Amino acid sequence: MVAEMGWDPKVWEDPMAFKPERFLEGGGGKEIKMMPFGAGRRMCPGYTLAMLHLEYFVANLVRNFKWEAAGEVDLAEKPEFTVVMKHPLEVKLSPRVRASSS
């Protein structure tokens, strides 16, 4: 089972203890040691609902705020668990002014 991968004492020290600091930066390697939401047919049943809520949340951010780059955009990459931006994007947000419906 996928859950049993997270209980392996060869991978985790005291695997059944609640130690969220394991996942903080510097708390472990970058390799996959667990899949908390599973994959394939046994994937988390709430995944679809969560994705729907995330899409709705992001759509509202785009609709309600004006987005501008805070500085120069550098698209350089660096390898981590996946490939990420070497210098994260920084933005300035300002509320969008909506026309009144009177």
N, C-alpha and C. Protein backbone atom coordinates (compact mmCIF):
# COMPACT_ATOMS: atom_id res chain seq x y z
N MET A 1 0.83 -1.19 0.00
CA MET A 1 0.00 0.00 0.00
C MET A 1 0.87 1.25 0.00
N VAL A 2 0.36 2.32 -0.58
CA VAL A 2 1.09 3.58 -0.65
C VAL A 2 1.37 4.11 0.76
N ALA A 3 0.42 4.02 1.66
CA ALA A 3 0.61 4.54 3.02
C ALA A 3 1.76 3.85 3.73
N GLU A 4 1.94 2.58 3.49
CA GLU A 4 3.01 1.84 4.16
C GLU A 4 4.40 2.32 3.74
N MET A 5 4.50 2.95 2.56
CA MET A 5 5.79 3.51 2.14
C MET A 5 6.22 4.60 3.12
N GLY A 6 5.27 5.34 3.66
CA GLY A 6 5.58 6.40 4.61
C GLY A 6 5.88 5.90 6.01
N TRP A 7 5.70 4.62 6.25
CA TRP A 7 5.94 4.05 7.58
C TRP A 7 7.23 3.26 7.65
N ASP A 8 8.03 3.31 6.60
CA ASP A 8 9.25 2.51 6.52
C ASP A 8 10.34 3.07 7.44
N PRO A 9 10.75 2.31 8.48
CA PRO A 9 11.79 2.81 9.39
C PRO A 9 13.17 2.92 8.73
N LYS A 10 13.35 2.30 7.56
CA LYS A 10 14.61 2.45 6.83
C LYS A 10 14.69 3.84 6.19
N VAL A 11 13.54 4.45 5.95
CA VAL A 11 13.48 5.75 5.30
C VAL A 11 13.32 6.87 6.32
N TRP A 12 12.45 6.66 7.31
CA TRP A 12 12.13 7.67 8.31
C TRP A 12 12.56 7.23 9.70
N GLU A 13 13.17 8.12 10.44
CA GLU A 13 13.45 7.86 11.85
C GLU A 13 12.13 8.04 12.59
N ASP A 14 11.75 7.05 13.38
CA ASP A 14 10.49 7.08 14.14
C ASP A 14 9.32 7.44 13.22
N PRO A 15 9.00 6.57 12.24
CA PRO A 15 8.04 6.91 11.19
C PRO A 15 6.62 7.19 11.67
N MET A 16 6.19 6.65 12.79
CA MET A 16 4.82 6.84 13.23
C MET A 16 4.64 8.11 14.07
N ALA A 17 5.73 8.82 14.37
CA ALA A 17 5.64 10.05 15.17
C ALA A 17 5.32 11.23 14.27
N PHE A 18 4.54 12.16 14.79
CA PHE A 18 4.21 13.38 14.06
C PHE A 18 5.38 14.35 14.16
N LYS A 19 6.12 14.50 13.07
CA LYS A 19 7.29 15.38 13.03
C LYS A 19 7.27 16.19 11.74
N PRO A 20 6.47 17.26 11.69
CA PRO A 20 6.39 18.03 10.44
C PRO A 20 7.70 18.70 10.05
N GLU A 21 8.62 18.88 11.00
CA GLU A 21 9.90 19.50 10.67
C GLU A 21 10.70 18.67 9.67
N ARG A 22 10.32 17.42 9.48
CA ARG A 22 11.00 16.58 8.48
C ARG A 22 10.92 17.20 7.09
N PHE A 23 9.85 17.94 6.85
CA PHE A 23 9.60 18.47 5.51
C PHE A 23 10.06 19.91 5.35
N LEU A 24 10.63 20.50 6.39
CA LEU A 24 11.15 21.85 6.27
C LEU A 24 12.44 21.82 5.47
N GLU A 25 12.81 22.97 4.94
CA GLU A 25 14.04 23.05 4.15
C GLU A 25 15.22 22.57 4.99
N GLY A 26 16.01 21.70 4.43
CA GLY A 26 17.15 21.15 5.14
C GLY A 26 16.80 19.96 6.02
N GLY A 27 15.51 19.60 6.09
CA GLY A 27 15.09 18.51 6.94
C GLY A 27 15.18 17.15 6.29
N GLY A 28 15.55 17.09 5.05
CA GLY A 28 15.64 15.82 4.37
C GLY A 28 16.07 16.01 2.93
N GLY A 29 16.17 14.94 2.20
CA GLY A 29 16.59 15.02 0.81
C GLY A 29 15.45 15.46 -0.08
N LYS A 30 15.71 15.52 -1.36
CA LYS A 30 14.72 15.96 -2.32
C LYS A 30 14.00 14.79 -2.99
N GLU A 31 14.37 13.58 -2.64
CA GLU A 31 13.75 12.43 -3.28
C GLU A 31 12.34 12.18 -2.72
N ILE A 32 11.55 11.45 -3.48
CA ILE A 32 10.19 11.13 -3.04
C ILE A 32 10.27 10.05 -1.97
N LYS A 33 9.76 10.35 -0.79
CA LYS A 33 9.74 9.37 0.29
C LYS A 33 8.32 8.99 0.66
N MET A 34 7.37 9.75 0.16
CA MET A 34 5.98 9.43 0.47
C MET A 34 5.07 10.07 -0.57
N MET A 35 3.88 9.52 -0.72
CA MET A 35 2.85 10.07 -1.59
C MET A 35 1.58 10.16 -0.76
N PRO A 36 1.38 11.26 -0.04
CA PRO A 36 0.26 11.32 0.90
C PRO A 36 -1.12 11.24 0.25
N PHE A 37 -1.25 11.59 -1.03
CA PHE A 37 -2.56 11.54 -1.66
C PHE A 37 -2.70 10.40 -2.65
N GLY A 38 -1.70 9.54 -2.70
CA GLY A 38 -1.77 8.37 -3.55
C GLY A 38 -1.66 8.72 -5.03
N ALA A 39 -1.92 7.73 -5.84
CA ALA A 39 -1.85 7.92 -7.28
C ALA A 39 -2.76 6.90 -7.95
N GLY A 40 -3.12 7.17 -9.17
CA GLY A 40 -3.93 6.23 -9.93
C GLY A 40 -5.33 6.04 -9.34
N ARG A 41 -5.82 4.83 -9.39
CA ARG A 41 -7.19 4.54 -8.94
C ARG A 41 -7.37 4.75 -7.45
N ARG A 42 -6.31 4.67 -6.67
CA ARG A 42 -6.43 4.83 -5.22
C ARG A 42 -6.05 6.24 -4.76
N MET A 43 -6.14 7.18 -5.68
CA MET A 43 -5.81 8.56 -5.37
C MET A 43 -6.86 9.15 -4.42
N CYS A 44 -6.50 10.23 -3.75
CA CYS A 44 -7.37 10.92 -2.81
C CYS A 44 -8.73 11.21 -3.46
N PRO A 45 -9.83 10.81 -2.85
CA PRO A 45 -11.15 11.03 -3.46
C PRO A 45 -11.53 12.52 -3.50
N GLY A 46 -10.88 13.35 -2.71
CA GLY A 46 -11.20 14.77 -2.71
C GLY A 46 -10.36 15.59 -3.68
N TYR A 47 -9.51 14.93 -4.45
CA TYR A 47 -8.60 15.64 -5.36
C TYR A 47 -9.36 16.51 -6.36
N THR A 48 -10.38 15.99 -6.99
CA THR A 48 -11.13 16.73 -8.00
C THR A 48 -11.79 17.96 -7.39
N LEU A 49 -12.38 17.80 -6.21
CA LEU A 49 -13.01 18.92 -5.54
C LEU A 49 -11.97 19.97 -5.15
N ALA A 50 -10.82 19.54 -4.66
CA ALA A 50 -9.75 20.46 -4.29
C ALA A 50 -9.27 21.25 -5.51
N MET A 51 -9.10 20.58 -6.64
CA MET A 51 -8.67 21.27 -7.86
C MET A 51 -9.71 22.29 -8.31
N LEU A 52 -10.97 21.97 -8.19
CA LEU A 52 -12.04 22.90 -8.54
C LEU A 52 -11.95 24.15 -7.67
N HIS A 53 -11.75 23.97 -6.37
CA HIS A 53 -11.65 25.11 -5.45
C HIS A 53 -10.39 25.95 -5.75
N LEU A 54 -9.27 25.28 -6.05
CA LEU A 54 -8.05 26.02 -6.38
C LEU A 54 -8.22 26.84 -7.65
N GLU A 55 -8.85 26.27 -8.66
CA GLU A 55 -9.09 27.01 -9.91
C GLU A 55 -9.98 28.21 -9.65
N TYR A 56 -11.00 28.04 -8.85
CA TYR A 56 -11.91 29.13 -8.50
C TYR A 56 -11.16 30.21 -7.73
N PHE A 57 -10.30 29.83 -6.81
CA PHE A 57 -9.52 30.77 -6.02
C PHE A 57 -8.59 31.59 -6.90
N VAL A 58 -7.86 30.93 -7.79
CA VAL A 58 -6.93 31.63 -8.68
C VAL A 58 -7.69 32.54 -9.64
N ALA A 59 -8.82 32.07 -10.16
CA ALA A 59 -9.63 32.91 -11.06
C ALA A 59 -10.09 34.18 -10.36
N ASN A 60 -10.45 34.07 -9.09
CA ASN A 60 -10.86 35.26 -8.34
C ASN A 60 -9.68 36.19 -8.08
N LEU A 61 -8.49 35.66 -7.84
CA LEU A 61 -7.31 36.50 -7.68
C LEU A 61 -7.04 37.29 -8.96
N VAL A 62 -7.14 36.63 -10.10
CA VAL A 62 -6.90 37.29 -11.38
C VAL A 62 -7.97 38.34 -11.64
N ARG A 63 -9.21 38.02 -11.33
CA ARG A 63 -10.32 38.94 -11.58
C ARG A 63 -10.28 40.17 -10.68
N ASN A 64 -9.90 40.00 -9.41
CA ASN A 64 -10.02 41.08 -8.44
C ASN A 64 -8.77 41.93 -8.25
N PHE A 65 -7.64 41.52 -8.82
CA PHE A 65 -6.41 42.27 -8.63
C PHE A 65 -5.71 42.53 -9.95
N LYS A 66 -5.03 43.68 -10.00
CA LYS A 66 -4.17 44.00 -11.13
C LYS A 66 -2.78 43.48 -10.78
N TRP A 67 -2.19 42.69 -11.65
CA TRP A 67 -0.90 42.05 -11.39
C TRP A 67 0.18 42.74 -12.21
N GLU A 68 1.26 43.15 -11.56
CA GLU A 68 2.41 43.76 -12.24
C GLU A 68 3.68 43.15 -11.67
N ALA A 69 4.68 42.99 -12.52
CA ALA A 69 5.97 42.48 -12.05
C ALA A 69 6.60 43.53 -11.14
N ALA A 70 7.14 43.10 -10.00
CA ALA A 70 7.76 44.00 -9.04
C ALA A 70 9.18 44.38 -9.46
N GLY A 71 9.74 43.63 -10.35
CA GLY A 71 11.10 43.89 -10.81
C GLY A 71 11.29 43.21 -12.16
N GLU A 72 12.53 42.94 -12.47
CA GLU A 72 12.83 42.26 -13.72
C GLU A 72 12.47 40.78 -13.61
N VAL A 73 11.89 40.23 -14.66
CA VAL A 73 11.52 38.82 -14.68
C VAL A 73 12.68 38.02 -15.25
N ASP A 74 13.22 37.11 -14.46
CA ASP A 74 14.32 36.25 -14.88
C ASP A 74 13.80 34.83 -15.00
N LEU A 75 13.84 34.28 -16.19
CA LEU A 75 13.30 32.94 -16.42
C LEU A 75 14.36 31.84 -16.28
N ALA A 76 15.49 32.13 -15.65
CA ALA A 76 16.51 31.11 -15.43
C ALA A 76 15.95 30.02 -14.52
N GLU A 77 16.42 28.80 -14.72
CA GLU A 77 15.92 27.65 -13.97
C GLU A 77 17.01 27.05 -13.11
N LYS A 78 16.57 26.26 -12.11
CA LYS A 78 17.50 25.46 -11.31
C LYS A 78 16.81 24.14 -10.98
N PRO A 79 17.57 23.06 -10.91
CA PRO A 79 16.96 21.77 -10.59
C PRO A 79 16.75 21.63 -9.08
N GLU A 80 15.57 21.21 -8.71
CA GLU A 80 15.25 20.84 -7.32
C GLU A 80 14.56 19.50 -7.43
N PHE A 81 13.48 19.29 -6.69
CA PHE A 81 12.70 18.06 -6.87
C PHE A 81 12.17 18.03 -8.29
N THR A 82 11.76 19.21 -8.78
CA THR A 82 11.45 19.43 -10.19
C THR A 82 12.28 20.63 -10.61
N VAL A 83 12.13 21.10 -11.80
CA VAL A 83 12.84 22.30 -12.25
C VAL A 83 12.02 23.50 -11.80
N VAL A 84 12.66 24.44 -11.11
CA VAL A 84 11.97 25.63 -10.61
C VAL A 84 12.71 26.88 -11.08
N MET A 85 12.08 28.02 -10.89
CA MET A 85 12.72 29.28 -11.26
C MET A 85 13.86 29.57 -10.30
N LYS A 86 14.98 30.01 -10.84
CA LYS A 86 16.14 30.33 -10.00
C LYS A 86 15.83 31.52 -9.10
N HIS A 87 15.11 32.50 -9.63
CA HIS A 87 14.70 33.68 -8.87
C HIS A 87 13.17 33.76 -8.94
N PRO A 88 12.46 33.46 -7.85
CA PRO A 88 10.98 33.43 -7.89
C PRO A 88 10.40 34.77 -8.35
N LEU A 89 9.24 34.68 -8.98
CA LEU A 89 8.55 35.89 -9.42
C LEU A 89 8.12 36.71 -8.21
N GLU A 90 8.19 38.01 -8.35
CA GLU A 90 7.66 38.91 -7.34
C GLU A 90 6.68 39.83 -8.06
N VAL A 91 5.53 40.04 -7.43
CA VAL A 91 4.49 40.85 -8.07
C VAL A 91 4.02 41.95 -7.15
N LYS A 92 3.46 42.98 -7.77
CA LYS A 92 2.76 44.03 -7.05
C LYS A 92 1.28 43.84 -7.37
N LEU A 93 0.48 43.72 -6.34
CA LEU A 93 -0.97 43.57 -6.54
C LEU A 93 -1.66 44.85 -6.13
N SER A 94 -2.64 45.25 -6.93
CA SER A 94 -3.48 46.36 -6.53
C SER A 94 -4.92 46.00 -6.89
N PRO A 95 -5.86 46.42 -6.06
CA PRO A 95 -7.27 46.06 -6.33
C PRO A 95 -7.72 46.65 -7.67
N ARG A 96 -8.50 45.88 -8.39
CA ARG A 96 -9.08 46.39 -9.64
C ARG A 96 -10.25 47.29 -9.29
N VAL A 97 -10.35 48.38 -10.00
CA VAL A 97 -11.48 49.30 -9.80
C VAL A 97 -12.60 48.83 -10.70
N ARG A 98 -13.72 48.56 -10.10
CA ARG A 98 -14.87 48.07 -10.86
C ARG A 98 -15.85 49.20 -11.10
N ALA A 99 -16.45 49.18 -12.25
CA ALA A 99 -17.47 50.16 -12.55
C ALA A 99 -18.71 49.86 -11.72
N SER A 100 -19.30 50.89 -11.16
CA SER A 100 -20.50 50.67 -10.34
C SER A 100 -21.67 50.34 -11.24
N SER A 101 -22.57 49.55 -10.73
CA SER A 101 -23.73 49.09 -11.52
C SER A 101 -24.97 49.90 -11.19
N SER A 102 -24.82 51.23 -11.08
CA SER A 102 -25.99 52.05 -10.75
C SER A 102 -26.63 52.67 -11.95
